[in-house]
PDB file of all heavy atoms in Angstrom:
ATOM      1  N   PHE A   1       4.489  -2.968 -11.180  1.00  0.00           N
ATOM      2  CA  PHE A   1       3.957  -2.005 -10.216  1.00  0.00           C
ATOM      3  C   PHE A   1       3.271  -0.850 -10.948  1.00  0.00           C
ATOM      4  O   PHE A   1       2.164  -0.440 -10.601  1.00  0.00           O
ATOM      5  CB  PHE A   1       5.107  -1.499  -9.337  1.00  0.00           C
ATOM      6  CG  PHE A   1       4.686  -0.765  -8.104  1.00  0.00           C
ATOM      7  CD1 PHE A   1       4.445  -1.442  -6.929  1.00  0.00           C
ATOM      8  CD2 PHE A   1       4.567   0.615  -8.104  1.00  0.00           C
ATOM      9  CE1 PHE A   1       4.082  -0.762  -5.769  1.00  0.00           C
ATOM     10  CE2 PHE A   1       4.200   1.303  -6.958  1.00  0.00           C
ATOM     11  CZ  PHE A   1       3.954   0.606  -5.785  1.00  0.00           C
ATOM     12  N   GLN A   2       3.933  -0.320 -11.976  1.00  0.00           N
ATOM     13  CA  GLN A   2       3.381   0.805 -12.739  1.00  0.00           C
ATOM     14  C   GLN A   2       2.163   0.385 -13.551  1.00  0.00           C
ATOM     15  O   GLN A   2       1.180   1.121 -13.620  1.00  0.00           O
ATOM     16  CB  GLN A   2       4.450   1.415 -13.652  1.00  0.00           C
ATOM     17  CG  GLN A   2       4.039   2.763 -14.223  1.00  0.00           C
ATOM     18  CD  GLN A   2       3.771   3.795 -13.125  1.00  0.00           C
ATOM     19  OE1 GLN A   2       4.614   4.017 -12.269  1.00  0.00           O
ATOM     20  NE2 GLN A   2       2.605   4.410 -13.138  1.00  0.00           N
ATOM     21  N   GLN A   3       2.204  -0.800 -14.174  1.00  0.00           N
ATOM     22  CA  GLN A   3       1.049  -1.301 -14.930  1.00  0.00           C
ATOM     23  C   GLN A   3      -0.162  -1.449 -14.016  1.00  0.00           C
ATOM     24  O   GLN A   3      -1.281  -1.117 -14.400  1.00  0.00           O
ATOM     25  CB  GLN A   3       1.365  -2.653 -15.572  1.00  0.00           C
ATOM     26  CG  GLN A   3       2.239  -2.578 -16.785  1.00  0.00           C
ATOM     27  CD  GLN A   3       2.565  -3.967 -17.307  1.00  0.00           C
ATOM     28  OE1 GLN A   3       3.166  -4.789 -16.597  1.00  0.00           O
ATOM     29  NE2 GLN A   3       2.184  -4.229 -18.537  1.00  0.00           N
ATOM     30  N   PHE A   4       0.064  -1.956 -12.828  1.00  0.00           N
ATOM     31  CA  PHE A   4      -1.004  -2.129 -11.851  1.00  0.00           C
ATOM     32  C   PHE A   4      -1.614  -0.776 -11.490  1.00  0.00           C
ATOM     33  O   PHE A   4      -2.835  -0.601 -11.522  1.00  0.00           O
ATOM     34  CB  PHE A   4      -0.460  -2.841 -10.603  1.00  0.00           C
ATOM     35  CG  PHE A   4      -1.477  -3.064  -9.530  1.00  0.00           C
ATOM     36  CD1 PHE A   4      -2.493  -3.983  -9.694  1.00  0.00           C
ATOM     37  CD2 PHE A   4      -1.417  -2.358  -8.342  1.00  0.00           C
ATOM     38  CE1 PHE A   4      -3.439  -4.191  -8.698  1.00  0.00           C
ATOM     39  CE2 PHE A   4      -2.339  -2.557  -7.332  1.00  0.00           C
ATOM     40  CZ  PHE A   4      -3.360  -3.483  -7.519  1.00  0.00           C
ATOM     41  N   ALA A   5      -0.766   0.190 -11.183  1.00  0.00           N
ATOM     42  CA  ALA A   5      -1.248   1.530 -10.823  1.00  0.00           C
ATOM     43  C   ALA A   5      -1.957   2.191 -11.999  1.00  0.00           C
ATOM     44  O   ALA A   5      -3.049   2.758 -11.842  1.00  0.00           O
ATOM     45  CB  ALA A   5      -0.090   2.403 -10.349  1.00  0.00           C
ATOM     46  N   ASP A   6      -1.366   2.112 -13.188  1.00  0.00           N
ATOM     47  CA  ASP A   6      -1.962   2.741 -14.378  1.00  0.00           C
ATOM     48  C   ASP A   6      -3.313   2.138 -14.722  1.00  0.00           C
ATOM     49  O   ASP A   6      -4.180   2.818 -15.273  1.00  0.00           O
ATOM     50  CB  ASP A   6      -1.029   2.619 -15.583  1.00  0.00           C
ATOM     51  CG  ASP A   6       0.226   3.475 -15.455  1.00  0.00           C
ATOM     52  OD1 ASP A   6       0.274   4.340 -14.554  1.00  0.00           O
ATOM     53  OD2 ASP A   6       1.155   3.252 -16.259  1.00  0.00           O
ATOM     54  N   GLY A   7      -3.504   0.855 -14.392  1.00  0.00           N
ATOM     55  CA  GLY A   7      -4.772   0.185 -14.673  1.00  0.00           C
ATOM     56  C   GLY A   7      -5.837   0.426 -13.618  1.00  0.00           C
ATOM     57  O   GLY A   7      -6.935  -0.125 -13.700  1.00  0.00           O
ATOM     58  N   GLY A   8      -5.525   1.223 -12.613  1.00  0.00           N
ATOM     59  CA  GLY A   8      -6.503   1.523 -11.570  1.00  0.00           C
ATOM     60  C   GLY A   8      -6.414   0.629 -10.350  1.00  0.00           C
ATOM     61  O   GLY A   8      -7.257   0.713  -9.454  1.00  0.00           O
ATOM     62  N   GLY A   9      -5.411  -0.235 -10.302  1.00  0.00           N
ATOM     63  CA  GLY A   9      -5.243  -1.096  -9.134  1.00  0.00           C
ATOM     64  C   GLY A   9      -4.879  -0.298  -7.900  1.00  0.00           C
ATOM     65  O   GLY A   9      -4.164   0.703  -7.984  1.00  0.00           O
ATOM     66  N   GLU A  10      -5.392  -0.743  -6.758  1.00  0.00           N
ATOM     67  CA  GLU A  10      -5.138  -0.043  -5.497  1.00  0.00           C
ATOM     68  C   GLU A  10      -4.376  -0.927  -4.522  1.00  0.00           C
ATOM     69  O   GLU A  10      -4.633  -2.127  -4.434  1.00  0.00           O
ATOM     70  CB  GLU A  10      -6.453   0.377  -4.846  1.00  0.00           C
ATOM     71  CG  GLU A  10      -7.246   1.381  -5.650  1.00  0.00           C
ATOM     72  CD  GLU A  10      -8.510   1.824  -4.926  1.00  0.00           C
ATOM     73  OE1 GLU A  10      -8.489   1.948  -3.682  1.00  0.00           O
ATOM     74  OE2 GLU A  10      -9.513   2.047  -5.613  1.00  0.00           O
ATOM     75  N   LEU A  11      -3.462  -0.318  -3.797  1.00  0.00           N
ATOM     76  CA  LEU A  11      -2.748  -0.975  -2.709  1.00  0.00           C
ATOM     77  C   LEU A  11      -3.378  -0.525  -1.400  1.00  0.00           C
ATOM     78  O   LEU A  11      -3.406   0.671  -1.110  1.00  0.00           O
ATOM     79  CB  LEU A  11      -1.269  -0.585  -2.720  1.00  0.00           C
ATOM     80  CG  LEU A  11      -0.471  -0.902  -3.980  1.00  0.00           C
ATOM     81  CD1 LEU A  11       0.924  -0.284  -3.871  1.00  0.00           C
ATOM     82  CD2 LEU A  11      -0.383  -2.392  -4.203  1.00  0.00           C
ATOM     83  N   TRP A  12      -3.907  -1.467  -0.647  1.00  0.00           N
ATOM     84  CA  TRP A  12      -4.468  -1.148   0.658  1.00  0.00           C
ATOM     85  C   TRP A  12      -3.525  -1.705   1.708  1.00  0.00           C
ATOM     86  O   TRP A  12      -3.237  -2.901   1.733  1.00  0.00           O
ATOM     87  CB  TRP A  12      -5.864  -1.741   0.807  1.00  0.00           C
ATOM     88  CG  TRP A  12      -6.902  -1.042  -0.022  1.00  0.00           C
ATOM     89  CD1 TRP A  12      -6.713  -0.080  -0.967  1.00  0.00           C
ATOM     90  CD2 TRP A  12      -8.306  -1.276   0.018  1.00  0.00           C
ATOM     91  NE1 TRP A  12      -7.907   0.305  -1.518  1.00  0.00           N
ATOM     92  CE2 TRP A  12      -8.909  -0.402  -0.931  1.00  0.00           C
ATOM     93  CE3 TRP A  12      -9.114  -2.124   0.753  1.00  0.00           C
ATOM     94  CZ2 TRP A  12     -10.276  -0.374  -1.151  1.00  0.00           C
ATOM     95  CZ3 TRP A  12     -10.482  -2.100   0.529  1.00  0.00           C
ATOM     96  CH2 TRP A  12     -11.061  -1.220  -0.401  1.00  0.00           C
ATOM     97  N   LEU A  13      -3.050  -0.836   2.569  1.00  0.00           N
ATOM     98  CA  LEU A  13      -2.062  -1.200   3.572  1.00  0.00           C
ATOM     99  C   LEU A  13      -2.725  -1.405   4.932  1.00  0.00           C
ATOM    100  O   LEU A  13      -3.445  -0.521   5.415  1.00  0.00           O
ATOM    101  CB  LEU A  13      -0.993  -0.117   3.686  1.00  0.00           C
ATOM    102  CG  LEU A  13      -0.404   0.428   2.377  1.00  0.00           C
ATOM    103  CD1 LEU A  13       0.624   1.515   2.673  1.00  0.00           C
ATOM    104  CD2 LEU A  13       0.186  -0.666   1.539  1.00  0.00           C
ATOM    105  N   CYS A  14      -2.465  -2.540   5.528  1.00  0.00           N
ATOM    106  CA  CYS A  14      -2.999  -2.851   6.854  1.00  0.00           C
ATOM    107  C   CYS A  14      -2.508  -1.803   7.859  1.00  0.00           C
ATOM    108  O   CYS A  14      -1.303  -1.610   8.021  1.00  0.00           O
ATOM    109  CB  CYS A  14      -2.529  -4.239   7.261  1.00  0.00           C
ATOM    110  SG  CYS A  14      -2.747  -4.619   9.010  1.00  0.00           S
ATOM    111  N   PRO A  15      -3.432  -1.103   8.533  1.00  0.00           N
ATOM    112  CA  PRO A  15      -3.009  -0.040   9.448  1.00  0.00           C
ATOM    113  C   PRO A  15      -2.178  -0.539  10.632  1.00  0.00           C
ATOM    114  O   PRO A  15      -1.226   0.126  11.048  1.00  0.00           O
ATOM    115  CB  PRO A  15      -4.315   0.594   9.908  1.00  0.00           C
ATOM    116  CG  PRO A  15      -5.388  -0.370   9.570  1.00  0.00           C
ATOM    117  CD  PRO A  15      -4.887  -1.225   8.452  1.00  0.00           C
ATOM    118  N   ILE A  16      -2.504  -1.695  11.158  1.00  0.00           N
ATOM    119  CA  ILE A  16      -1.746  -2.232  12.296  1.00  0.00           C
ATOM    120  C   ILE A  16      -0.326  -2.578  11.849  1.00  0.00           C
ATOM    121  O   ILE A  16       0.646  -2.298  12.559  1.00  0.00           O
ATOM    122  CB  ILE A  16      -2.465  -3.461  12.900  1.00  0.00           C
ATOM    123  CG1 ILE A  16      -3.796  -3.024  13.520  1.00  0.00           C
ATOM    124  CG2 ILE A  16      -1.585  -4.178  13.912  1.00  0.00           C
ATOM    125  CD1 ILE A  16      -4.703  -4.169  13.911  1.00  0.00           C
ATOM    126  N   CYS A  17      -0.209  -3.148  10.654  1.00  0.00           N
ATOM    127  CA  CYS A  17       1.108  -3.531  10.128  1.00  0.00           C
ATOM    128  C   CYS A  17       1.964  -2.300   9.849  1.00  0.00           C
ATOM    129  O   CYS A  17       3.171  -2.307  10.113  1.00  0.00           O
ATOM    130  CB  CYS A  17       0.946  -4.363   8.863  1.00  0.00           C
ATOM    131  SG  CYS A  17      -0.060  -5.854   9.114  1.00  0.00           S
ATOM    132  N   VAL A  18       1.352  -1.248   9.323  1.00  0.00           N
ATOM    133  CA  VAL A  18       2.071   0.002   9.060  1.00  0.00           C
ATOM    134  C   VAL A  18       2.573   0.588  10.370  1.00  0.00           C
ATOM    135  O   VAL A  18       3.742   0.955  10.500  1.00  0.00           O
ATOM    136  CB  VAL A  18       1.177   1.007   8.302  1.00  0.00           C
ATOM    137  CG1 VAL A  18       1.796   2.396   8.280  1.00  0.00           C
ATOM    138  CG2 VAL A  18       0.903   0.522   6.885  1.00  0.00           C
ATOM    139  N   LYS A  19       1.685   0.649  11.358  1.00  0.00           N
ATOM    140  CA  LYS A  19       2.050   1.241  12.654  1.00  0.00           C
ATOM    141  C   LYS A  19       3.132   0.426  13.357  1.00  0.00           C
ATOM    142  O   LYS A  19       4.086   0.986  13.895  1.00  0.00           O
ATOM    143  CB  LYS A  19       0.814   1.357  13.538  1.00  0.00           C
ATOM    144  CG  LYS A  19       1.085   2.044  14.850  1.00  0.00           C
ATOM    145  CD  LYS A  19      -0.175   2.257  15.654  1.00  0.00           C
ATOM    146  CE  LYS A  19       0.180   2.999  16.927  1.00  0.00           C
ATOM    147  NZ  LYS A  19      -0.986   3.361  17.693  1.00  0.00           N
ATOM    148  N   SER A  20       3.006  -0.894  13.329  1.00  0.00           N
ATOM    149  CA  SER A  20       3.974  -1.730  14.047  1.00  0.00           C
ATOM    150  C   SER A  20       5.364  -1.670  13.422  1.00  0.00           C
ATOM    151  O   SER A  20       6.355  -1.989  14.082  1.00  0.00           O
ATOM    152  CB  SER A  20       3.493  -3.181  14.120  1.00  0.00           C
ATOM    153  OG  SER A  20       3.552  -3.792  12.855  1.00  0.00           O
ATOM    154  N   ARG A  21       5.450  -1.220  12.164  1.00  0.00           N
ATOM    155  CA  ARG A  21       6.747  -1.072  11.494  1.00  0.00           C
ATOM    156  C   ARG A  21       7.207   0.380  11.462  1.00  0.00           C
ATOM    157  O   ARG A  21       8.201   0.706  10.828  1.00  0.00           O
ATOM    158  CB  ARG A  21       6.664  -1.651  10.085  1.00  0.00           C
ATOM    159  CG  ARG A  21       6.677  -3.171  10.127  1.00  0.00           C
ATOM    160  CD  ARG A  21       6.042  -3.802   8.910  1.00  0.00           C
ATOM    161  NE  ARG A  21       6.081  -5.259   9.031  1.00  0.00           N
ATOM    162  CZ  ARG A  21       5.229  -5.979   9.774  1.00  0.00           C
ATOM    163  NH1 ARG A  21       4.270  -5.379  10.464  1.00  0.00           N
ATOM    164  NH2 ARG A  21       5.335  -7.299   9.837  1.00  0.00           N
ATOM    165  N   SER A  22       6.465   1.250  12.147  1.00  0.00           N
ATOM    166  CA  SER A  22       6.788   2.686  12.238  1.00  0.00           C
ATOM    167  C   SER A  22       7.007   3.327  10.871  1.00  0.00           C
ATOM    168  O   SER A  22       7.911   4.139  10.685  1.00  0.00           O
ATOM    169  CB  SER A  22       8.029   2.903  13.128  1.00  0.00           C
ATOM    170  OG  SER A  22       7.812   2.381  14.420  1.00  0.00           O
ATOM    171  N   LEU A  23       6.164   2.965   9.900  1.00  0.00           N
ATOM    172  CA  LEU A  23       6.269   3.538   8.562  1.00  0.00           C
ATOM    173  C   LEU A  23       5.580   4.897   8.518  1.00  0.00           C
ATOM    174  O   LEU A  23       4.597   5.125   9.217  1.00  0.00           O
ATOM    175  CB  LEU A  23       5.651   2.605   7.520  1.00  0.00           C
ATOM    176  CG  LEU A  23       6.256   1.200   7.434  1.00  0.00           C
ATOM    177  CD1 LEU A  23       5.555   0.391   6.353  1.00  0.00           C
ATOM    178  CD2 LEU A  23       7.748   1.265   7.178  1.00  0.00           C
ATOM    179  N   ASP A  24       6.076   5.770   7.685  1.00  0.00           N
ATOM    180  CA  ASP A  24       5.509   7.104   7.507  1.00  0.00           C
ATOM    181  C   ASP A  24       4.289   7.019   6.597  1.00  0.00           C
ATOM    182  O   ASP A  24       4.418   6.819   5.388  1.00  0.00           O
ATOM    183  CB  ASP A  24       6.568   8.034   6.905  1.00  0.00           C
ATOM    184  CG  ASP A  24       6.075   9.457   6.719  1.00  0.00           C
ATOM    185  OD1 ASP A  24       4.888   9.747   7.007  1.00  0.00           O
ATOM    186  OD2 ASP A  24       6.884  10.288   6.266  1.00  0.00           O
TER     187      ASP A  24
END
């Protein structure tokens, strides 16, 4: 996870999936 972030990798989260799981 840290290697991915340090290398410039991005996590894109599906907005519908985030909302349907009531994530902050």
